[in-house]
C-alpha atoms as a PDB file:
ATOM      1  CA  UNK A   1       8.365  24.735   0.344  1.00  0.00           C
ATOM      2  CA  UNK A   2       9.772  22.244  -2.238  1.00  0.00           C
ATOM      3  CA  UNK A   3      11.644  23.522  -5.309  1.00  0.00           C
ATOM      4  CA  UNK A   4       9.303  23.147  -8.257  1.00  0.00           C
ATOM      5  CA  UNK A   5      11.965  21.452 -10.340  1.00  0.00           C
ATOM      6  CA  UNK A   6      12.320  18.820  -7.644  1.00  0.00           C
ATOM      7  CA  UNK A   7       8.516  17.804  -7.756  1.00  0.00           C
ATOM      8  CA  UNK A   8       8.995  15.717 -10.931  1.00  0.00           C
ATOM      9  CA  UNK A   9      11.399  13.285  -9.275  1.00  0.00           C
ATOM     10  CA  UNK A  10      10.568   9.600  -9.247  1.00  0.00           C
ATOM     11  CA  UNK A  11       8.079   8.545  -6.756  1.00  0.00           C
ATOM     12  CA  UNK A  12       7.325   5.083  -5.257  1.00  0.00           C
ATOM     13  CA  UNK A  13       3.875   3.885  -4.269  1.00  0.00           C
ATOM     14  CA  UNK A  14       3.491   0.713  -2.283  1.00  0.00           C
ATOM     15  CA  UNK A  15      -0.069  -0.749  -2.140  1.00  0.00           C
ATOM     16  CA  UNK A  16      -0.518  -3.320   0.549  1.00  0.00           C
ATOM     17  CA  UNK A  17      -3.569  -5.392   1.355  1.00  0.00           C
ATOM     18  CA  UNK A  18      -3.728  -5.913   5.041  1.00  0.00           C
ATOM     19  CA  UNK A  19      -2.438  -9.235   6.431  1.00  0.00           C
ATOM     20  CA  UNK A  20      -4.608 -12.339   7.368  1.00  0.00           C
ATOM     21  CA  UNK A  21      -7.124 -11.390  10.015  1.00  0.00           C
ATOM     22  CA  UNK A  22      -9.237 -13.624  12.321  1.00  0.00           C
ATOM     23  CA  UNK A  23     -12.609 -14.658  11.022  1.00  0.00           C
ATOM     24  CA  UNK A  24     -15.332 -12.079  11.061  1.00  0.00           C
ATOM     25  CA  UNK A  25     -17.914 -14.208  12.905  1.00  0.00           C
ATOM     26  CA  UNK A  26     -17.034 -13.024  16.496  1.00  0.00           C
ATOM     27  CA  UNK A  27     -16.835  -9.279  16.350  1.00  0.00           C
ATOM     28  CA  UNK A  28     -17.440  -6.198  14.140  1.00  0.00           C
ATOM     29  CA  UNK A  29     -15.349  -6.086  11.075  1.00  0.00           C
ATOM     30  CA  UNK A  30     -13.398  -2.853  12.010  1.00  0.00           C
ATOM     31  CA  UNK A  31     -12.185  -4.620  15.269  1.00  0.00           C
ATOM     32  CA  UNK A  32     -10.825  -7.707  13.637  1.00  0.00           C
ATOM     33  CA  UNK A  33      -7.226  -8.197  14.628  1.00  0.00           C
ATOM     34  CA  UNK A  34      -4.630 -10.109  12.669  1.00  0.00           C
ATOM     35  CA  UNK A  35      -4.310 -13.859  12.972  1.00  0.00           C
ATOM     36  CA  UNK A  36      -0.968 -15.437  13.936  1.00  0.00           C
ATOM     37  CA  UNK A  37      -0.197 -16.072  10.321  1.00  0.00           C
ATOM     38  CA  UNK A  38      -1.075 -12.452   9.490  1.00  0.00           C
ATOM     39  CA  UNK A  39       1.431 -11.178  11.978  1.00  0.00           C
ATOM     40  CA  UNK A  40       4.167 -13.373  10.361  1.00  0.00           C
ATOM     41  CA  UNK A  41       3.195 -12.322   6.891  1.00  0.00           C
ATOM     42  CA  UNK A  42       3.173  -8.599   7.739  1.00  0.00           C
ATOM     43  CA  UNK A  43       6.718  -8.905   9.179  1.00  0.00           C
ATOM     44  CA  UNK A  44       7.763 -10.662   6.042  1.00  0.00           C
ATOM     45  CA  UNK A  45       6.351  -7.682   4.021  1.00  0.00           C
ATOM     46  CA  UNK A  46       8.609  -5.404   6.192  1.00  0.00           C
ATOM     47  CA  UNK A  47      11.547  -7.430   5.392  1.00  0.00           C
ATOM     48  CA  UNK A  48      10.835  -7.343   1.804  1.00  0.00           C
ATOM     49  CA  UNK A  49      10.498  -3.502   1.877  1.00  0.00           C
ATOM     50  CA  UNK A  50      13.876  -3.408   3.656  1.00  0.00           C
ATOM     51  CA  UNK A  51      15.383  -5.744   1.098  1.00  0.00           C
ATOM     52  CA  UNK A  52      14.155  -3.586  -1.778  1.00  0.00           C
ATOM     53  CA  UNK A  53      15.415  -0.369  -0.038  1.00  0.00           C
ATOM     54  CA  UNK A  54      12.181   1.131   0.319  1.00  0.00           C
ATOM     55  CA  UNK A  55      11.746   3.628   3.164  1.00  0.00           C
ATOM     56  CA  UNK A  56       8.387   5.327   3.328  1.00  0.00           C
ATOM     57  CA  UNK A  57       8.124   8.981   3.841  1.00  0.00           C
ATOM     58  CA  UNK A  58       4.464   8.511   4.476  1.00  0.00           C
ATOM     59  CA  UNK A  59       2.109   5.601   5.381  1.00  0.00           C
ATOM     60  CA  UNK A  60      -1.475   5.966   4.600  1.00  0.00           C
ATOM     61  CA  UNK A  61      -3.294   3.406   6.565  1.00  0.00           C
ATOM     62  CA  UNK A  62      -6.901   2.346   7.069  1.00  0.00           C
ATOM     63  CA  UNK A  63      -8.311   2.835  10.638  1.00  0.00           C
ATOM     64  CA  UNK A  64      -9.291  -0.905  10.905  1.00  0.00           C
ATOM     65  CA  UNK A  65      -7.544  -2.884  13.662  1.00  0.00           C
ATOM     66  CA  UNK A  66      -6.073  -5.312  11.104  1.00  0.00           C
ATOM     67  CA  UNK A  67      -4.503  -2.545   8.899  1.00  0.00           C
ATOM     68  CA  UNK A  68      -3.126  -0.739  11.897  1.00  0.00           C
ATOM     69  CA  UNK A  69      -1.630  -4.084  13.060  1.00  0.00           C
ATOM     70  CA  UNK A  70      -0.374  -4.739   9.624  1.00  0.00           C
ATOM     71  CA  UNK A  71       1.701  -1.712   9.859  1.00  0.00           C
ATOM     72  CA  UNK A  72       2.862  -2.475  13.330  1.00  0.00           C
ATOM     73  CA  UNK A  73       4.267  -5.845  12.210  1.00  0.00           C
ATOM     74  CA  UNK A  74       5.590  -4.363   8.785  1.00  0.00           C
ATOM     75  CA  UNK A  75       7.569  -2.024  11.026  1.00  0.00           C
ATOM     76  CA  UNK A  76       8.713  -4.907  13.290  1.00  0.00           C
ATOM     77  CA  UNK A  77       9.945  -6.503  10.056  1.00  0.00           C
ATOM     78  CA  UNK A  78      12.250  -3.495   9.750  1.00  0.00           C
ATOM     79  CA  UNK A  79      10.314  -1.198   7.489  1.00  0.00           C
ATOM     80  CA  UNK A  80      10.531   2.531   8.422  1.00  0.00           C
ATOM     81  CA  UNK A  81       8.236   5.562   7.746  1.00  0.00           C
ATOM     82  CA  UNK A  82       8.750   9.258   8.630  1.00  0.00           C
ATOM     83  CA  UNK A  83       5.149   9.801   9.202  1.00  0.00           C
ATOM     84  CA  UNK A  84       1.864   7.571   9.462  1.00  0.00           C
ATOM     85  CA  UNK A  85      -1.586   8.894   8.693  1.00  0.00           C
ATOM     86  CA  UNK A  86      -4.473   6.764   9.824  1.00  0.00           C
ATOM     87  CA  UNK A  87      -7.512   7.564   7.504  1.00  0.00           C
ATOM     88  CA  UNK A  88     -11.110   6.224   7.900  1.00  0.00           C
ATOM     89  CA  UNK A  89     -11.688   6.976   4.216  1.00  0.00           C
ATOM     90  CA  UNK A  90      -9.410   4.009   3.149  1.00  0.00           C
ATOM     91  CA  UNK A  91     -11.720   1.535   4.757  1.00  0.00           C
ATOM     92  CA  UNK A  92     -14.080  -0.055   2.156  1.00  0.00           C
ATOM     93  CA  UNK A  93     -12.787   2.555  -0.212  1.00  0.00           C
ATOM     94  CA  UNK A  94     -12.977   2.134  -4.023  1.00  0.00           C
ATOM     95  CA  UNK A  95     -10.227   3.346  -6.464  1.00  0.00           C
ATOM     96  CA  UNK A  96     -11.604   6.842  -6.701  1.00  0.00           C
ATOM     97  CA  UNK A  97     -11.718   7.257  -2.935  1.00  0.00           C
ATOM     98  CA  UNK A  98      -8.232   5.827  -2.603  1.00  0.00           C
ATOM     99  CA  UNK A  99      -6.999   8.184  -5.304  1.00  0.00           C
ATOM    100  CA  UNK A 100      -8.479  11.095  -3.408  1.00  0.00           C
ATOM    101  CA  UNK A 101      -6.525  10.081  -0.199  1.00  0.00           C
ATOM    102  CA  UNK A 102      -3.320   9.580  -2.201  1.00  0.00           C
ATOM    103  CA  UNK A 103      -3.618  12.941  -3.802  1.00  0.00           C
ATOM    104  CA  UNK A 104      -3.356  14.647  -0.409  1.00  0.00           C
ATOM    105  CA  UNK A 105       0.021  13.270   0.202  1.00  0.00           C
ATOM    106  CA  UNK A 106       2.671  16.065   0.571  1.00  0.00           C
ATOM    107  CA  UNK A 107       4.455  16.842  -2.587  1.00  0.00           C
ATOM    108  CA  UNK A 108       7.757  16.281  -0.902  1.00  0.00           C
ATOM    109  CA  UNK A 109       6.968  12.764  -0.127  1.00  0.00           C
ATOM    110  CA  UNK A 110       8.988  10.424  -2.472  1.00  0.00           C
ATOM    111  CA  UNK A 111       7.674   7.044  -1.170  1.00  0.00           C
ATOM    112  CA  UNK A 112       4.107   6.398   0.017  1.00  0.00           C
ATOM    113  CA  UNK A 113       2.818   3.211   1.435  1.00  0.00           C
ATOM    114  CA  UNK A 114      -0.992   2.699   1.455  1.00  0.00           C
ATOM    115  CA  UNK A 115      -2.336  -0.065   3.600  1.00  0.00           C
ATOM    116  CA  UNK A 116      -5.922  -1.008   2.991  1.00  0.00           C
ATOM    117  CA  UNK A 117      -8.433  -3.711   1.861  1.00  0.00           C
ATOM    118  CA  UNK A 118      -9.791  -5.630  -0.996  1.00  0.00           C
ATOM    119  CA  UNK A 119     -11.212  -4.949  -3.308  1.00  0.00           C
ATOM    120  CA  UNK A 120      -9.947  -1.169  -3.248  1.00  0.00           C
ATOM    121  CA  UNK A 121      -6.309  -1.890  -3.026  1.00  0.00           C
ATOM    122  CA  UNK A 122      -6.152  -4.635  -5.797  1.00  0.00           C
ATOM    123  CA  UNK A 123      -8.475  -2.349  -7.926  1.00  0.00           C
ATOM    124  CA  UNK A 124      -6.092   0.589  -7.624  1.00  0.00           C
ATOM    125  CA  UNK A 125      -3.047  -1.440  -8.390  1.00  0.00           C
ATOM    126  CA  UNK A 126      -4.774  -2.649 -11.577  1.00  0.00           C
ATOM    127  CA  UNK A 127      -5.985   0.934 -12.440  1.00  0.00           C
ATOM    128  CA  UNK A 128      -2.631   2.592 -11.931  1.00  0.00           C
ATOM    129  CA  UNK A 129      -0.490  -0.078 -13.680  1.00  0.00           C
ATOM    130  CA  UNK A 130      -2.925  -0.833 -16.456  1.00  0.00           C
ATOM    131  CA  UNK A 131      -0.530   0.275 -19.141  1.00  0.00           C
ATOM    132  CA  UNK A 132       2.496  -1.661 -17.492  1.00  0.00           C
ATOM    133  CA  UNK A 133       4.168  -4.167 -19.588  1.00  0.00           C
ATOM    134  CA  UNK A 134       5.682  -6.029 -16.666  1.00  0.00           C
ATOM    135  CA  UNK A 135       5.019  -9.740 -16.542  1.00  0.00           C
ATOM    136  CA  UNK A 136       3.838  -9.485 -13.039  1.00  0.00           C
ATOM    137  CA  UNK A 137       0.954  -7.300 -14.198  1.00  0.00           C
ATOM    138  CA  UNK A 138      -1.136 -10.330 -15.163  1.00  0.00           C
ATOM    139  CA  UNK A 139      -0.432 -11.925 -11.720  1.00  0.00           C
ATOM    140  CA  UNK A 140      -1.847  -9.015  -9.866  1.00  0.00           C
ATOM    141  CA  UNK A 141      -4.974  -8.976 -11.779  1.00  0.00           C
ATOM    142  CA  UNK A 142      -5.722 -12.708 -11.163  1.00  0.00           C
ATOM    143  CA  UNK A 143      -5.307 -12.892  -7.435  1.00  0.00           C
ATOM    144  CA  UNK A 144      -4.460 -10.248  -4.647  1.00  0.00           C
ATOM    145  CA  UNK A 145      -4.526 -12.175  -1.309  1.00  0.00           C
ATOM    146  CA  UNK A 146      -4.045 -10.840   2.058  1.00  0.00           C
ATOM    147  CA  UNK A 147      -0.362  -9.221   2.354  1.00  0.00           C
ATOM    148  CA  UNK A 148      -0.377  -8.773  -1.432  1.00  0.00           C
ATOM    149  CA  UNK A 149       2.196  -6.029  -2.086  1.00  0.00           C
ATOM    150  CA  UNK A 150       2.534  -4.017  -5.260  1.00  0.00           C
ATOM    151  CA  UNK A 151       5.431  -1.486  -5.776  1.00  0.00           C
ATOM    152  CA  UNK A 152       4.615   1.187  -8.399  1.00  0.00           C
ATOM    153  CA  UNK A 153       7.037   3.859  -9.757  1.00  0.00           C
ATOM    154  CA  UNK A 154       5.550   7.155 -10.939  1.00  0.00           C
ATOM    155  CA  UNK A 155       6.999  10.431 -12.148  1.00  0.00           C
ATOM    156  CA  UNK A 156       3.741  12.531 -11.609  1.00  0.00           C
ATOM    157  CA  UNK A 157       3.026  14.524  -8.582  1.00  0.00           C
ATOM    158  CA  UNK A 158       0.760  12.890  -6.010  1.00  0.00           C
ATOM    159  CA  UNK A 159      -1.783  15.488  -6.544  1.00  0.00           C
ATOM    160  CA  UNK A 160      -2.074  14.552 -10.130  1.00  0.00           C
ATOM    161  CA  UNK A 161      -1.933  10.727 -10.048  1.00  0.00           C
ATOM    162  CA  UNK A 162      -4.414   9.093 -12.465  1.00  0.00           C
ATOM    163  CA  UNK A 163      -5.022   5.796 -14.211  1.00  0.00           C
ATOM    164  CA  UNK A 164      -2.216   4.309 -16.205  1.00  0.00           C
ATOM    165  CA  UNK A 165       0.342   6.673 -14.424  1.00  0.00           C
ATOM    166  CA  UNK A 166       2.635   3.939 -12.823  1.00  0.00           C
ATOM    167  CA  UNK A 167       5.105   1.441 -13.951  1.00  0.00           C
ATOM    168  CA  UNK A 168       4.778  -1.842 -12.043  1.00  0.00           C
ATOM    169  CA  UNK A 169       8.199  -2.454 -10.375  1.00  0.00           C
ATOM    170  CA  UNK A 170       7.009  -5.635  -8.447  1.00  0.00           C
ATOM    171  CA  UNK A 171       4.176  -7.596  -7.178  1.00  0.00           C
ATOM    172  CA  UNK A 172       4.717 -10.059  -4.359  1.00  0.00           C
ATOM    173  CA  UNK A 173       2.866 -11.919  -1.685  1.00  0.00           C
ATOM    174  CA  UNK A 174       5.346 -12.049   1.246  1.00  0.00           C
ATOM    175  CA  UNK A 175       4.749 -14.975   3.557  1.00  0.00           C
ATOM    176  CA  UNK A 176       6.315 -15.404   7.099  1.00  0.00           C
END
């Protein structure tokens, strides 16, 4: 069990919208794989995380094929994670549902990466960073394309995360 005084240490939350997938016309949405560009962009996201010194204790990933493949190529780009949880609740989730999933992260986890879909991931980034004064804040509210990646810093425990709790460290759209 973690020392209670250790639980208020800074935490990092990375919100990643899945990389570019093939068009939806030919198959069920959950089964859509990444397009070639998506594989390259996901690897670029992995390289970005490495360059920022971000190592995940936990990845929370939607069960869709494109999100699972996004994590696969992020890892091929060099990103690491101690544990990966695939959670069907992340698929088509809104901010409330995504926060419910995040609040189940172990208190000991210092860095969590969540890989999901629009509009949930962009909405959650906006909700958590609403009070942020970062110049990138405006950017993330205007457009959050595939491979959009937000890095947020928090001092609250995962179980207590709420709106306006995060500082926006960065918002980027890595391209391969």
